[in-house]
Amino acid sequence: MHLQKANRTQTRMRLCLQGPSGSGKTLGALRVALGLTNGRWDQIAIIDSENRSADLYAELGPYQVLHMNAPYCPEDYIQAMSICEKAGMQVIILDSISHEWESLLDYQSKLPGNSFINWSKVSPRHSAFLYRMLCSSAHIIATVRTKTDYVLTDRNGKIVPEKVGLKGIQRDGNEYEFSICFDLDIRHFATTSKDRTRLYMDQLPFQLDETVGGHIRQWCQINTTTSEEVQHQIEQCATIPDLVELFHQQTAYQVLLKPSFERRKHQLLLVPVQVQPV
């Protein structure tokens, strides 16, 4: 372990959209995804567990859809994400991850024996799903269903019932895994409950569109590492795989520092292989 200066290279977004039925989670996710891909519908994939609701917006553009069937177990989500990544998708929309958690709750309830001890068979599967989502090479937008209730509101002098979302249908603490969490209401307005980017924190309710995705994309592309620091990292690379990984991380400096990358590669190729004595 050693101390080093904090810096942020290009990153991938982990975004959560949470709201009741009819709040516009799927459509909002598609609009934000379009901004994240800079207008490339063909680089967006939806992993759909919402009874083919992803097909309802096909007129918007040629995005890809992967339909899932029950029981929506974590392993199915993991496999689906791998399929999307291999197809070169820049944004993967998980619509929704509530089904993953509900499938585990159903599985746990049917296990024989002590219900508390049985969680040891459930939690690792959920943790594997979260880890796979966090390690994805694509931007991830996950939608979460919320439990629905109705409150009485004054609308133009009339008291009318209005649908509101309450607690998200996911494991407690799920929001810790995301960089941004937007809560959607029945009028399709978003409020921010968590924002590590600081782009939308403390803003008035707003509607999700391509502009939101564009702002997030620009934030993800900011590189706070200087060329001198990258040059030092190049010299510290001890293997070819380390050098290749650094090259792919530092897209902003690939052209400027290509001679340095090439020089270090040739140096590493000339290093004699150390043969261990038998």
C-alpha atoms as a PDB file:
ATOM      1  CA  MET A   1       0.000   0.000   0.000  1.00  0.00           C
ATOM      2  CA  HIS A   2       1.185   3.520  -0.748  1.00  0.00           C
ATOM      3  CA  LEU A   3      -0.187   7.048  -0.870  1.00  0.00           C
ATOM      4  CA  GLN A   4      -0.745   8.797  -4.177  1.00  0.00           C
ATOM      5  CA  LYS A   5      -2.408  11.950  -5.413  1.00  0.00           C
ATOM      6  CA  ALA A   6      -6.142  11.612  -6.092  1.00  0.00           C
ATOM      7  CA  ASN A   7      -6.995  11.696  -9.797  1.00  0.00           C
ATOM      8  CA  ARG A   8      -9.925  10.674 -11.962  1.00  0.00           C
ATOM      9  CA  THR A   9      -9.427   9.080 -15.352  1.00  0.00           C
ATOM     10  CA  GLN A  10     -12.214   8.316 -17.783  1.00  0.00           C
ATOM     11  CA  THR A  11     -14.918   6.411 -15.934  1.00  0.00           C
ATOM     12  CA  ARG A  12     -18.110   4.522 -16.608  1.00  0.00           C
ATOM     13  CA  MET A  13     -21.377   5.743 -15.125  1.00  0.00           C
ATOM     14  CA  ARG A  14     -23.493   3.684 -12.729  1.00  0.00           C
ATOM     15  CA  LEU A  15     -26.916   5.369 -12.716  1.00  0.00           C
ATOM     16  CA  CYS A  16     -30.067   4.327 -10.861  1.00  0.00           C
ATOM     17  CA  LEU A  17     -33.579   5.466 -11.851  1.00  0.00           C
ATOM     18  CA  GLN A  18     -36.161   4.738  -9.169  1.00  0.00           C
ATOM     19  CA  GLY A  19     -39.890   5.345  -9.336  1.00  0.00           C
ATOM     20  CA  PRO A  20     -43.431   3.935  -9.293  1.00  0.00           C
ATOM     21  CA  SER A  21     -45.231   2.423 -12.246  1.00  0.00           C
ATOM     22  CA  GLY A  22     -45.868   5.041 -14.918  1.00  0.00           C
ATOM     23  CA  SER A  23     -43.106   7.406 -13.804  1.00  0.00           C
ATOM     24  CA  GLY A  24     -41.174   6.981 -17.045  1.00  0.00           C
ATOM     25  CA  LYS A  25     -38.201   4.907 -15.936  1.00  0.00           C
ATOM     26  CA  THR A  26     -37.689   3.060 -19.232  1.00  0.00           C
ATOM     27  CA  LEU A  27     -38.175   6.098 -21.465  1.00  0.00           C
ATOM     28  CA  GLY A  28     -36.025   8.250 -19.194  1.00  0.00           C
ATOM     29  CA  ALA A  29     -33.276   5.629 -19.248  1.00  0.00           C
ATOM     30  CA  LEU A  30     -33.336   5.553 -23.062  1.00  0.00           C
ATOM     31  CA  ARG A  31     -33.102   9.329 -23.331  1.00  0.00           C
ATOM     32  CA  VAL A  32     -30.190   9.534 -20.904  1.00  0.00           C
ATOM     33  CA  ALA A  33     -28.494   6.621 -22.698  1.00  0.00           C
ATOM     34  CA  LEU A  34     -28.757   8.476 -26.007  1.00  0.00           C
ATOM     35  CA  GLY A  35     -26.841  11.384 -24.508  1.00  0.00           C
ATOM     36  CA  LEU A  36     -24.239   9.034 -23.050  1.00  0.00           C
ATOM     37  CA  THR A  37     -23.585   7.537 -26.500  1.00  0.00           C
ATOM     38  CA  ASN A  38     -23.610  10.961 -28.186  1.00  0.00           C
ATOM     39  CA  GLY A  39     -26.600  10.043 -30.344  1.00  0.00           C
ATOM     40  CA  ARG A  40     -25.734   6.403 -31.137  1.00  0.00           C
ATOM     41  CA  TRP A  41     -28.913   4.330 -30.727  1.00  0.00           C
ATOM     42  CA  ASP A  42     -27.077   1.247 -32.011  1.00  0.00           C
ATOM     43  CA  GLN A  43     -24.754   1.408 -28.981  1.00  0.00           C
ATOM     44  CA  ILE A  44     -27.614   1.080 -26.454  1.00  0.00           C
ATOM     45  CA  ALA A  45     -28.907  -2.260 -25.149  1.00  0.00           C
ATOM     46  CA  ILE A  46     -31.833  -2.914 -22.799  1.00  0.00           C
ATOM     47  CA  ILE A  47     -31.923  -6.071 -20.711  1.00  0.00           C
ATOM     48  CA  ASP A  48     -35.700  -6.281 -20.386  1.00  0.00           C
ATOM     49  CA  SER A  49     -37.431  -8.118 -17.529  1.00  0.00           C
ATOM     50  CA  GLU A  50     -40.526  -5.891 -17.754  1.00  0.00           C
ATOM     51  CA  ASN A  51     -42.644  -8.107 -20.020  1.00  0.00           C
ATOM     52  CA  ARG A  52     -41.223  -6.645 -23.278  1.00  0.00           C
ATOM     53  CA  SER A  53     -41.929  -3.035 -22.324  1.00  0.00           C
ATOM     54  CA  ALA A  54     -38.616  -2.065 -23.937  1.00  0.00           C
ATOM     55  CA  ASP A  55     -40.147  -2.690 -27.376  1.00  0.00           C
ATOM     56  CA  LEU A  56     -42.792   0.009 -26.808  1.00  0.00           C
ATOM     57  CA  TYR A  57     -40.320   2.765 -27.722  1.00  0.00           C
ATOM     58  CA  ALA A  58     -38.888   1.152 -30.858  1.00  0.00           C
ATOM     59  CA  GLU A  59     -39.871   4.172 -32.969  1.00  0.00           C
ATOM     60  CA  LEU A  60     -37.260   6.269 -31.167  1.00  0.00           C
ATOM     61  CA  GLY A  61     -34.309   4.491 -32.758  1.00  0.00           C
ATOM     62  CA  PRO A  62     -32.599   1.161 -33.468  1.00  0.00           C
ATOM     63  CA  TYR A  63     -31.478   0.252 -29.946  1.00  0.00           C
ATOM     64  CA  GLN A  64     -30.913  -3.392 -28.997  1.00  0.00           C
ATOM     65  CA  VAL A  65     -33.123  -5.436 -26.660  1.00  0.00           C
ATOM     66  CA  LEU A  66     -32.370  -8.645 -24.767  1.00  0.00           C
ATOM     67  CA  HIS A  67     -35.569 -10.154 -23.359  1.00  0.00           C
ATOM     68  CA  MET A  68     -35.324 -12.068 -20.096  1.00  0.00           C
ATOM     69  CA  ASN A  69     -37.707 -14.677 -18.793  1.00  0.00           C
ATOM     70  CA  ALA A  70     -38.577 -15.727 -15.252  1.00  0.00           C
ATOM     71  CA  PRO A  71     -37.216 -16.468 -12.715  1.00  0.00           C
ATOM     72  CA  TYR A  72     -34.836 -13.505 -13.365  1.00  0.00           C
ATOM     73  CA  CYS A  73     -32.030 -14.937 -11.250  1.00  0.00           C
ATOM     74  CA  PRO A  74     -28.733 -13.013 -10.756  1.00  0.00           C
ATOM     75  CA  GLU A  75     -26.870 -15.446 -12.999  1.00  0.00           C
ATOM     76  CA  ASP A  76     -29.182 -14.567 -15.907  1.00  0.00           C
ATOM     77  CA  TYR A  77     -28.438 -10.862 -15.468  1.00  0.00           C
ATOM     78  CA  ILE A  78     -24.702 -11.595 -15.365  1.00  0.00           C
ATOM     79  CA  GLN A  79     -24.886 -13.600 -18.576  1.00  0.00           C
ATOM     80  CA  ALA A  80     -26.996 -10.920 -20.261  1.00  0.00           C
ATOM     81  CA  MET A  81     -24.475  -8.192 -19.394  1.00  0.00           C
ATOM     82  CA  SER A  82     -21.675 -10.291 -20.889  1.00  0.00           C
ATOM     83  CA  ILE A  83     -23.651 -10.724 -24.119  1.00  0.00           C
ATOM     84  CA  CYS A  84     -24.175  -6.963 -24.390  1.00  0.00           C
ATOM     85  CA  GLU A  85     -20.508  -6.206 -23.728  1.00  0.00           C
ATOM     86  CA  LYS A  86     -19.330  -8.700 -26.333  1.00  0.00           C
ATOM     87  CA  ALA A  87     -21.648  -6.968 -28.825  1.00  0.00           C
ATOM     88  CA  GLY A  88     -19.821  -3.687 -28.135  1.00  0.00           C
ATOM     89  CA  MET A  89     -22.641  -1.837 -26.377  1.00  0.00           C
ATOM     90  CA  GLN A  90     -21.629   1.457 -24.749  1.00  0.00           C
ATOM     91  CA  VAL A  91     -24.702   1.660 -22.496  1.00  0.00           C
ATOM     92  CA  ILE A  92     -26.541  -1.244 -20.864  1.00  0.00           C
ATOM     93  CA  ILE A  93     -29.959  -0.534 -19.351  1.00  0.00           C
ATOM     94  CA  LEU A  94     -31.081  -3.050 -16.711  1.00  0.00           C
ATOM     95  CA  ASP A  95     -34.860  -2.698 -16.716  1.00  0.00           C
ATOM     96  CA  SER A  96     -35.411  -3.569 -13.949  1.00  0.00           C
ATOM     97  CA  ILE A  97     -33.127  -4.927 -11.216  1.00  0.00           C
ATOM     98  CA  SER A  98     -36.092  -5.248  -8.848  1.00  0.00           C
ATOM     99  CA  HIS A  99     -36.831  -8.612 -10.455  1.00  0.00           C
ATOM    100  CA  GLU A 100     -33.363  -9.870  -9.542  1.00  0.00           C
ATOM    101  CA  TRP A 101     -33.957  -9.144  -5.854  1.00  0.00           C
ATOM    102  CA  GLU A 102     -37.517 -10.530  -5.888  1.00  0.00           C
ATOM    103  CA  SER A 103     -36.219 -13.774  -7.411  1.00  0.00           C
ATOM    104  CA  LEU A 104     -33.749 -14.142  -4.542  1.00  0.00           C
ATOM    105  CA  LEU A 105     -36.431 -13.417  -1.957  1.00  0.00           C
ATOM    106  CA  ASP A 106     -38.588 -16.127  -3.513  1.00  0.00           C
ATOM    107  CA  TYR A 107     -35.634 -18.546  -3.573  1.00  0.00           C
ATOM    108  CA  GLN A 108     -34.809 -17.854   0.083  1.00  0.00           C
ATOM    109  CA  SER A 109     -38.404 -18.347   1.204  1.00  0.00           C
ATOM    110  CA  LYS A 110     -38.478 -21.853  -0.295  1.00  0.00           C
ATOM    111  CA  LEU A 111     -35.240 -23.067   1.274  1.00  0.00           C
ATOM    112  CA  PRO A 112     -35.692 -25.588   4.102  1.00  0.00           C
ATOM    113  CA  GLY A 113     -34.274 -25.002   7.560  1.00  0.00           C
ATOM    114  CA  ASN A 114     -33.358 -21.832   9.405  1.00  0.00           C
ATOM    115  CA  SER A 115     -34.360 -18.772   7.352  1.00  0.00           C
ATOM    116  CA  PHE A 116     -31.573 -16.620   8.850  1.00  0.00           C
ATOM    117  CA  ILE A 117     -28.842 -19.149   8.040  1.00  0.00           C
ATOM    118  CA  ASN A 118     -30.270 -19.563   4.547  1.00  0.00           C
ATOM    119  CA  TRP A 119     -29.239 -15.987   3.726  1.00  0.00           C
ATOM    120  CA  SER A 120     -25.680 -17.311   3.431  1.00  0.00           C
ATOM    121  CA  LYS A 121     -26.859 -19.037   0.246  1.00  0.00           C
ATOM    122  CA  VAL A 122     -28.539 -15.917  -1.080  1.00  0.00           C
ATOM    123  CA  SER A 123     -26.195 -13.000  -0.331  1.00  0.00           C
ATOM    124  CA  PRO A 124     -23.213 -14.315  -2.363  1.00  0.00           C
ATOM    125  CA  ARG A 125     -25.386 -14.572  -5.468  1.00  0.00           C
ATOM    126  CA  HIS A 126     -26.598 -11.007  -5.062  1.00  0.00           C
ATOM    127  CA  SER A 127     -23.054  -9.794  -4.367  1.00  0.00           C
ATOM    128  CA  ALA A 128     -21.858 -11.488  -7.571  1.00  0.00           C
ATOM    129  CA  PHE A 129     -24.533  -9.633  -9.533  1.00  0.00           C
ATOM    130  CA  LEU A 130     -23.543  -6.273  -8.016  1.00  0.00           C
ATOM    131  CA  TYR A 131     -19.846  -6.935  -8.624  1.00  0.00           C
ATOM    132  CA  ARG A 132     -20.514  -7.821 -12.271  1.00  0.00           C
ATOM    133  CA  MET A 133     -22.552  -4.647 -12.710  1.00  0.00           C
ATOM    134  CA  LEU A 134     -19.837  -2.474 -11.152  1.00  0.00           C
ATOM    135  CA  CYS A 135     -17.082  -4.088 -13.261  1.00  0.00           C
ATOM    136  CA  SER A 136     -18.898  -3.732 -16.573  1.00  0.00           C
ATOM    137  CA  SER A 137     -17.007  -2.063 -19.404  1.00  0.00           C
ATOM    138  CA  ALA A 138     -20.217  -0.230 -20.378  1.00  0.00           C
ATOM    139  CA  HIS A 139     -22.192   2.559 -18.743  1.00  0.00           C
ATOM    140  CA  ILE A 140     -24.932   0.978 -16.603  1.00  0.00           C
ATOM    141  CA  ILE A 141     -28.408   2.463 -16.104  1.00  0.00           C
ATOM    142  CA  ALA A 142     -30.506   0.405 -13.700  1.00  0.00           C
ATOM    143  CA  THR A 143     -34.195   0.978 -13.065  1.00  0.00           C
ATOM    144  CA  VAL A 144     -35.780   0.107  -9.722  1.00  0.00           C
ATOM    145  CA  ARG A 145     -39.479  -0.303  -9.002  1.00  0.00           C
ATOM    146  CA  THR A 146     -40.812   1.398  -5.903  1.00  0.00           C
ATOM    147  CA  LYS A 147     -43.719   0.350  -3.717  1.00  0.00           C
ATOM    148  CA  THR A 148     -46.681   2.503  -4.633  1.00  0.00           C
ATOM    149  CA  ASP A 149     -49.018   4.475  -2.425  1.00  0.00           C
ATOM    150  CA  TYR A 150     -51.487   7.334  -2.937  1.00  0.00           C
ATOM    151  CA  VAL A 151     -51.588  10.725  -1.239  1.00  0.00           C
ATOM    152  CA  LEU A 152     -54.200  13.474  -1.482  1.00  0.00           C
ATOM    153  CA  THR A 153     -52.967  16.651  -3.195  1.00  0.00           C
ATOM    154  CA  ASP A 154     -54.538  19.984  -4.054  1.00  0.00           C
ATOM    155  CA  ARG A 155     -54.695  20.398  -7.825  1.00  0.00           C
ATOM    156  CA  ASN A 156     -56.424  23.554  -9.105  1.00  0.00           C
ATOM    157  CA  GLY A 157     -58.527  23.763  -5.966  1.00  0.00           C
ATOM    158  CA  LYS A 158     -59.564  20.116  -6.077  1.00  0.00           C
ATOM    159  CA  ILE A 159     -58.315  17.397  -3.764  1.00  0.00           C
ATOM    160  CA  VAL A 160     -57.230  14.471  -5.941  1.00  0.00           C
ATOM    161  CA  PRO A 161     -55.289  11.260  -5.205  1.00  0.00           C
ATOM    162  CA  GLU A 162     -51.781  11.143  -6.625  1.00  0.00           C
ATOM    163  CA  LYS A 163     -49.603   8.066  -7.013  1.00  0.00           C
ATOM    164  CA  VAL A 164     -46.236   8.274  -5.239  1.00  0.00           C
ATOM    165  CA  GLY A 165     -43.286   5.938  -4.937  1.00  0.00           C
ATOM    166  CA  LEU A 166     -42.048   4.817  -1.568  1.00  0.00           C
ATOM    167  CA  LYS A 167     -39.243   2.383  -0.809  1.00  0.00           C
ATOM    168  CA  GLY A 168     -37.348   0.863  -3.728  1.00  0.00           C
ATOM    169  CA  ILE A 169     -37.795  -2.861  -4.358  1.00  0.00           C
ATOM    170  CA  GLN A 170     -34.168  -3.838  -3.929  1.00  0.00           C
ATOM    171  CA  ARG A 171     -31.883  -4.816  -1.099  1.00  0.00           C
ATOM    172  CA  ASP A 172     -31.358  -2.149   1.567  1.00  0.00           C
ATOM    173  CA  GLY A 173     -28.260  -0.082   0.841  1.00  0.00           C
ATOM    174  CA  ASN A 174     -28.478  -0.686  -2.909  1.00  0.00           C
ATOM    175  CA  GLU A 175     -27.966   3.046  -3.566  1.00  0.00           C
ATOM    176  CA  TYR A 176     -24.369   2.806  -2.337  1.00  0.00           C
ATOM    177  CA  GLU A 177     -23.431   0.973  -5.550  1.00  0.00           C
ATOM    178  CA  PHE A 178     -24.371   3.875  -7.842  1.00  0.00           C
ATOM    179  CA  SER A 179     -22.763   7.210  -8.654  1.00  0.00           C
ATOM    180  CA  ILE A 180     -26.110   8.921  -9.302  1.00  0.00           C
ATOM    181  CA  CYS A 181     -29.619   8.049  -8.077  1.00  0.00           C
ATOM    182  CA  PHE A 182     -32.625   9.832  -9.584  1.00  0.00           C
ATOM    183  CA  ASP A 183     -36.094   9.458  -8.058  1.00  0.00           C
ATOM    184  CA  LEU A 184     -38.917   9.824 -10.607  1.00  0.00           C
ATOM    185  CA  ASP A 185     -42.488  10.874  -9.807  1.00  0.00           C
ATOM    186  CA  ILE A 186     -45.688  10.162 -11.692  1.00  0.00           C
ATOM    187  CA  ARG A 187     -45.316  13.424 -13.660  1.00  0.00           C
ATOM    188  CA  HIS A 188     -41.963  12.156 -15.000  1.00  0.00           C
ATOM    189  CA  PHE A 189     -39.898  14.661 -13.011  1.00  0.00           C
ATOM    190  CA  ALA A 190     -36.634  13.596 -11.434  1.00  0.00           C
ATOM    191  CA  THR A 191     -35.112  14.632  -8.133  1.00  0.00           C
ATOM    192  CA  THR A 192     -31.619  13.698  -7.035  1.00  0.00           C
ATOM    193  CA  SER A 193     -31.114  11.569  -3.939  1.00  0.00           C
ATOM    194  CA  LYS A 194     -27.421  10.886  -4.589  1.00  0.00           C
ATOM    195  CA  ASP A 195     -24.926  12.497  -6.954  1.00  0.00           C
ATOM    196  CA  ARG A 196     -21.184  11.912  -6.794  1.00  0.00           C
ATOM    197  CA  THR A 197     -20.735  14.002  -9.943  1.00  0.00           C
ATOM    198  CA  ARG A 198     -22.285  17.064  -8.224  1.00  0.00           C
ATOM    199  CA  LEU A 199     -23.994  17.934 -11.529  1.00  0.00           C
ATOM    200  CA  TYR A 200     -27.594  17.703 -10.298  1.00  0.00           C
ATOM    201  CA  MET A 201     -27.466  17.833  -6.520  1.00  0.00           C
ATOM    202  CA  ASP A 202     -29.828  20.412  -4.940  1.00  0.00           C
ATOM    203  CA  GLN A 203     -31.518  21.185  -8.279  1.00  0.00           C
ATOM    204  CA  LEU A 204     -35.263  21.666  -8.705  1.00  0.00           C
ATOM    205  CA  PRO A 205     -37.152  18.692 -10.214  1.00  0.00           C
ATOM    206  CA  PHE A 206     -36.360  18.230 -13.919  1.00  0.00           C
ATOM    207  CA  GLN A 207     -37.191  15.846 -16.750  1.00  0.00           C
ATOM    208  CA  LEU A 208     -34.674  13.333 -18.063  1.00  0.00           C
ATOM    209  CA  ASP A 209     -33.506  13.841 -21.638  1.00  0.00           C
ATOM    210  CA  GLU A 210     -30.457  13.568 -23.889  1.00  0.00           C
ATOM    211  CA  THR A 211     -28.959  16.718 -22.358  1.00  0.00           C
ATOM    212  CA  VAL A 212     -28.703  14.996 -18.980  1.00  0.00           C
ATOM    213  CA  GLY A 213     -26.874  12.078 -20.586  1.00  0.00           C
ATOM    214  CA  GLY A 214     -24.597  14.481 -22.456  1.00  0.00           C
ATOM    215  CA  HIS A 215     -23.584  16.274 -19.265  1.00  0.00           C
ATOM    216  CA  ILE A 216     -22.867  12.952 -17.567  1.00  0.00           C
ATOM    217  CA  ARG A 217     -20.823  11.788 -20.579  1.00  0.00           C
ATOM    218  CA  GLN A 218     -18.685  14.933 -20.432  1.00  0.00           C
ATOM    219  CA  TRP A 219     -18.116  14.412 -16.709  1.00  0.00           C
ATOM    220  CA  CYS A 220     -17.069  10.812 -17.327  1.00  0.00           C
ATOM    221  CA  GLN A 221     -14.546  11.915 -19.956  1.00  0.00           C
ATOM    222  CA  ILE A 222     -12.748  14.428 -17.739  1.00  0.00           C
ATOM    223  CA  ASN A 223      -9.186  13.325 -17.075  1.00  0.00           C
ATOM    224  CA  THR A 224      -7.465  15.019 -14.145  1.00  0.00           C
ATOM    225  CA  THR A 225      -4.154  13.217 -14.705  1.00  0.00           C
ATOM    226  CA  THR A 226      -1.388  15.334 -16.299  1.00  0.00           C
ATOM    227  CA  SER A 227       0.775  14.132 -19.178  1.00  0.00           C
ATOM    228  CA  GLU A 228       3.806  14.169 -16.859  1.00  0.00           C
ATOM    229  CA  GLU A 229       2.029  11.841 -14.440  1.00  0.00           C
ATOM    230  CA  VAL A 230       1.086   9.475 -17.257  1.00  0.00           C
ATOM    231  CA  GLN A 231       4.694   9.549 -18.479  1.00  0.00           C
ATOM    232  CA  HIS A 232       5.814   8.445 -15.018  1.00  0.00           C
ATOM    233  CA  GLN A 233       3.191   5.671 -15.007  1.00  0.00           C
ATOM    234  CA  ILE A 234       4.529   4.452 -18.361  1.00  0.00           C
ATOM    235  CA  GLU A 235       8.038   4.145 -16.935  1.00  0.00           C
ATOM    236  CA  GLN A 236       6.679   2.236 -13.934  1.00  0.00           C
ATOM    237  CA  CYS A 237       4.970  -0.440 -16.052  1.00  0.00           C
ATOM    238  CA  ALA A 238       6.769  -3.733 -15.441  1.00  0.00           C
ATOM    239  CA  THR A 239       4.945  -5.912 -17.989  1.00  0.00           C
ATOM    240  CA  ILE A 240       3.430  -5.576 -21.457  1.00  0.00           C
ATOM    241  CA  PRO A 241      -0.130  -6.245 -20.152  1.00  0.00           C
ATOM    242  CA  ASP A 242       0.281  -3.420 -17.618  1.00  0.00           C
ATOM    243  CA  LEU A 243       1.418  -1.105 -20.396  1.00  0.00           C
ATOM    244  CA  VAL A 244      -1.478  -2.068 -22.656  1.00  0.00           C
ATOM    245  CA  GLU A 245      -3.980  -1.503 -19.837  1.00  0.00           C
ATOM    246  CA  LEU A 246      -2.527   1.951 -19.139  1.00  0.00           C
ATOM    247  CA  PHE A 247      -2.679   2.811 -22.844  1.00  0.00           C
ATOM    248  CA  HIS A 248      -6.401   1.976 -23.021  1.00  0.00           C
ATOM    249  CA  GLN A 249      -7.121   3.925 -19.826  1.00  0.00           C
ATOM    250  CA  GLN A 250      -5.406   7.114 -20.974  1.00  0.00           C
ATOM    251  CA  THR A 251      -7.321   7.810 -24.190  1.00  0.00           C
ATOM    252  CA  ALA A 252      -6.651  11.549 -23.891  1.00  0.00           C
ATOM    253  CA  TYR A 253      -2.890  10.986 -24.133  1.00  0.00           C
ATOM    254  CA  GLN A 254      -2.707   8.086 -26.587  1.00  0.00           C
ATOM    255  CA  VAL A 255      -1.558  10.284 -29.482  1.00  0.00           C
ATOM    256  CA  LEU A 256       0.680  12.643 -27.509  1.00  0.00           C
ATOM    257  CA  LEU A 257       2.490   9.896 -25.595  1.00  0.00           C
ATOM    258  CA  LYS A 258       2.457   7.158 -28.218  1.00  0.00           C
ATOM    259  CA  PRO A 259       6.270   7.403 -28.705  1.00  0.00           C
ATOM    260  CA  SER A 260       6.731   6.893 -24.953  1.00  0.00           C
ATOM    261  CA  PHE A 261       4.407   3.885 -24.954  1.00  0.00           C
ATOM    262  CA  GLU A 262       6.288   2.389 -27.934  1.00  0.00           C
ATOM    263  CA  ARG A 263       9.683   3.023 -26.339  1.00  0.00           C
ATOM    264  CA  ARG A 264       8.634   1.354 -23.079  1.00  0.00           C
ATOM    265  CA  LYS A 265       7.185  -1.588 -24.997  1.00  0.00           C
ATOM    266  CA  HIS A 266      10.505  -2.193 -26.761  1.00  0.00           C
ATOM    267  CA  GLN A 267      12.337  -1.927 -23.430  1.00  0.00           C
ATOM    268  CA  LEU A 268      10.086  -4.567 -21.890  1.00  0.00           C
ATOM    269  CA  LEU A 269      10.486  -6.849 -24.896  1.00  0.00           C
ATOM    270  CA  LEU A 270      14.257  -6.758 -24.437  1.00  0.00           C
ATOM    271  CA  VAL A 271      14.079  -7.773 -20.766  1.00  0.00           C
ATOM    272  CA  PRO A 272      15.386 -11.368 -20.526  1.00  0.00           C
ATOM    273  CA  VAL A 273      13.028 -13.959 -19.137  1.00  0.00           C
ATOM    274  CA  GLN A 274      14.101 -15.100 -15.663  1.00  0.00           C
ATOM    275  CA  VAL A 275      14.206 -18.882 -15.565  1.00  0.00           C
ATOM    276  CA  GLN A 276      13.584 -20.288 -12.114  1.00  0.00           C
ATOM    277  CA  PRO A 277      16.036 -23.015 -11.041  1.00  0.00           C
ATOM    278  CA  VAL A 278      14.578 -26.489 -10.738  1.00  0.00           C
END
